[in-house]
C-alpha cells in the first residue's frame, strides 16, 4: 500500500484535473424523528417516539473541478454498492 500511495503522489502533478470526479453521499430520514439521544451522567434515555412511517432518502452527487454537478436521489434505500455503481455508470 505504501508503494501505491507513493506512486499516486508522484503522478499527481501530471494528472489532468478536469477528469477528476468527486462523489458526495448523504442520507436523510424524512420522519424527522431522532434515532439516538444523549443523557447526563451516563444514564439511559427512555422516551416515546411517535410511529412515523418515514422515508429514507439517499442523495448522491458528483462534483467536477469545473463546477459541473450531477445530483441523484434514491428513495427507500440505505445506500449500497449497487446504487453507487448504477450512478457511476450513468
C-alpha atoms as a PDB file:
ATOM      1  CA  UNK A   1       0.000   0.000   0.000  1.00  0.00           C
ATOM      2  CA  UNK A   2       2.857   2.363   0.800  1.00  0.00           C
ATOM      3  CA  UNK A   3       4.350   1.891  -2.683  1.00  0.00           C
ATOM      4  CA  UNK A   4       0.956   2.520  -4.324  1.00  0.00           C
ATOM      5  CA  UNK A   5       0.493   5.700  -2.253  1.00  0.00           C
ATOM      6  CA  UNK A   6       3.947   6.972  -3.221  1.00  0.00           C
ATOM      7  CA  UNK A   7       3.239   6.199  -6.888  1.00  0.00           C
ATOM      8  CA  UNK A   8      -0.086   8.068  -6.679  1.00  0.00           C
ATOM      9  CA  UNK A   9       1.620  11.073  -5.078  1.00  0.00           C
ATOM     10  CA  UNK A  10       4.344  11.103  -7.752  1.00  0.00           C
ATOM     11  CA  UNK A  11       1.765  11.057 -10.587  1.00  0.00           C
ATOM     12  CA  UNK A  12      -0.417  13.869  -9.213  1.00  0.00           C
ATOM     13  CA  UNK A  13       1.428  16.814 -10.855  1.00  0.00           C
ATOM     14  CA  UNK A  14       0.823  15.312 -14.322  1.00  0.00           C
ATOM     15  CA  UNK A  15      -2.860  14.462 -13.759  1.00  0.00           C
ATOM     16  CA  UNK A  16      -5.499  16.214 -15.820  1.00  0.00           C
ATOM     17  CA  UNK A  17      -7.638  17.720 -13.038  1.00  0.00           C
ATOM     18  CA  UNK A  18     -10.613  18.249 -15.371  1.00  0.00           C
ATOM     19  CA  UNK A  19     -11.023  14.459 -15.461  1.00  0.00           C
ATOM     20  CA  UNK A  20     -11.396  14.147 -11.680  1.00  0.00           C
ATOM     21  CA  UNK A  21     -14.885  13.445 -10.324  1.00  0.00           C
ATOM     22  CA  UNK A  22     -15.659  13.592  -6.603  1.00  0.00           C
ATOM     23  CA  UNK A  23     -18.653  11.772  -5.102  1.00  0.00           C
ATOM     24  CA  UNK A  24     -20.632  13.186  -2.174  1.00  0.00           C
ATOM     25  CA  UNK A  25     -23.149  10.963  -0.364  1.00  0.00           C
ATOM     26  CA  UNK A  26     -25.741  11.798   2.303  1.00  0.00           C
ATOM     27  CA  UNK A  27     -28.809  10.140   3.796  1.00  0.00           C
ATOM     28  CA  UNK A  28     -31.907  11.702   5.340  1.00  0.00           C
ATOM     29  CA  UNK A  29     -34.796  10.456   7.473  1.00  0.00           C
ATOM     30  CA  UNK A  30     -37.894  12.382   6.342  1.00  0.00           C
ATOM     31  CA  UNK A  31     -39.822  11.439   9.500  1.00  0.00           C
ATOM     32  CA  UNK A  32     -37.631  13.926  11.406  1.00  0.00           C
ATOM     33  CA  UNK A  33     -37.660  11.702  14.498  1.00  0.00           C
ATOM     34  CA  UNK A  34     -34.315  11.396  16.221  1.00  0.00           C
ATOM     35  CA  UNK A  35     -32.989   7.863  16.210  1.00  0.00           C
ATOM     36  CA  UNK A  36     -30.450   8.439  19.037  1.00  0.00           C
ATOM     37  CA  UNK A  37     -30.262  10.575  22.153  1.00  0.00           C
ATOM     38  CA  UNK A  38     -27.828  11.665  24.867  1.00  0.00           C
ATOM     39  CA  UNK A  39     -28.188  11.902  28.619  1.00  0.00           C
ATOM     40  CA  UNK A  40     -26.281  13.325  31.565  1.00  0.00           C
ATOM     41  CA  UNK A  41     -24.100  11.159  33.755  1.00  0.00           C
ATOM     42  CA  UNK A  42     -24.305   8.011  31.622  1.00  0.00           C
ATOM     43  CA  UNK A  43     -27.993   7.457  32.449  1.00  0.00           C
ATOM     44  CA  UNK A  44     -30.195   5.636  29.953  1.00  0.00           C
ATOM     45  CA  UNK A  45     -32.593   7.736  27.864  1.00  0.00           C
ATOM     46  CA  UNK A  46     -36.149   6.406  27.752  1.00  0.00           C
ATOM     47  CA  UNK A  47     -38.765   8.327  25.816  1.00  0.00           C
ATOM     48  CA  UNK A  48     -41.647   7.906  23.412  1.00  0.00           C
ATOM     49  CA  UNK A  49     -41.285   8.496  19.689  1.00  0.00           C
ATOM     50  CA  UNK A  50     -44.394   8.555  17.501  1.00  0.00           C
ATOM     51  CA  UNK A  51     -44.766   5.769  14.964  1.00  0.00           C
ATOM     52  CA  UNK A  52     -43.829   7.829  11.956  1.00  0.00           C
ATOM     53  CA  UNK A  53     -43.738   5.957   8.687  1.00  0.00           C
ATOM     54  CA  UNK A  54     -40.792   7.813   7.312  1.00  0.00           C
ATOM     55  CA  UNK A  55     -38.933   7.523   4.088  1.00  0.00           C
ATOM     56  CA  UNK A  56     -35.213   7.306   3.832  1.00  0.00           C
ATOM     57  CA  UNK A  57     -33.688   9.343   1.050  1.00  0.00           C
ATOM     58  CA  UNK A  58     -30.138   8.806  -0.085  1.00  0.00           C
ATOM     59  CA  UNK A  59     -28.610  11.673  -2.021  1.00  0.00           C
ATOM     60  CA  UNK A  60     -25.588  11.230  -4.214  1.00  0.00           C
ATOM     61  CA  UNK A  61     -23.887  13.897  -6.258  1.00  0.00           C
ATOM     62  CA  UNK A  62     -20.829  14.054  -8.441  1.00  0.00           C
ATOM     63  CA  UNK A  63     -18.783  17.247  -8.482  1.00  0.00           C
ATOM     64  CA  UNK A  64     -16.096  18.149 -11.004  1.00  0.00           C
ATOM     65  CA  UNK A  65     -13.363  20.773 -10.835  1.00  0.00           C
ATOM     66  CA  UNK A  66     -15.214  22.812 -13.498  1.00  0.00           C
ATOM     67  CA  UNK A  67     -18.219  23.024 -11.054  1.00  0.00           C
ATOM     68  CA  UNK A  68     -20.356  20.575 -13.049  1.00  0.00           C
ATOM     69  CA  UNK A  69     -22.712  18.873 -10.584  1.00  0.00           C
ATOM     70  CA  UNK A  70     -24.883  15.806 -11.210  1.00  0.00           C
ATOM     71  CA  UNK A  71     -27.284  15.048  -8.319  1.00  0.00           C
ATOM     72  CA  UNK A  72     -29.345  11.884  -7.850  1.00  0.00           C
ATOM     73  CA  UNK A  73     -31.818  10.816  -5.133  1.00  0.00           C
ATOM     74  CA  UNK A  74     -32.586   7.191  -4.236  1.00  0.00           C
ATOM     75  CA  UNK A  75     -35.817   6.659  -2.288  1.00  0.00           C
ATOM     76  CA  UNK A  76     -36.387   3.902   0.280  1.00  0.00           C
ATOM     77  CA  UNK A  77     -32.796   2.832   0.334  1.00  0.00           C
ATOM     78  CA  UNK A  78     -29.872   2.907   2.624  1.00  0.00           C
ATOM     79  CA  UNK A  79     -27.039   3.420   0.247  1.00  0.00           C
ATOM     80  CA  UNK A  80     -25.303   0.301  -1.035  1.00  0.00           C
ATOM     81  CA  UNK A  81     -22.812  -0.652  -3.713  1.00  0.00           C
ATOM     82  CA  UNK A  82     -25.331  -1.475  -6.480  1.00  0.00           C
ATOM     83  CA  UNK A  83     -26.841   2.017  -6.377  1.00  0.00           C
ATOM     84  CA  UNK A  84     -23.374   3.595  -6.368  1.00  0.00           C
ATOM     85  CA  UNK A  85     -22.336   1.556  -9.403  1.00  0.00           C
ATOM     86  CA  UNK A  86     -25.581   2.470 -11.194  1.00  0.00           C
ATOM     87  CA  UNK A  87     -24.883   6.162 -10.586  1.00  0.00           C
ATOM     88  CA  UNK A  88     -21.262   5.948 -11.702  1.00  0.00           C
ATOM     89  CA  UNK A  89     -22.145   4.029 -14.882  1.00  0.00           C
ATOM     90  CA  UNK A  90     -24.782   6.630 -15.913  1.00  0.00           C
END
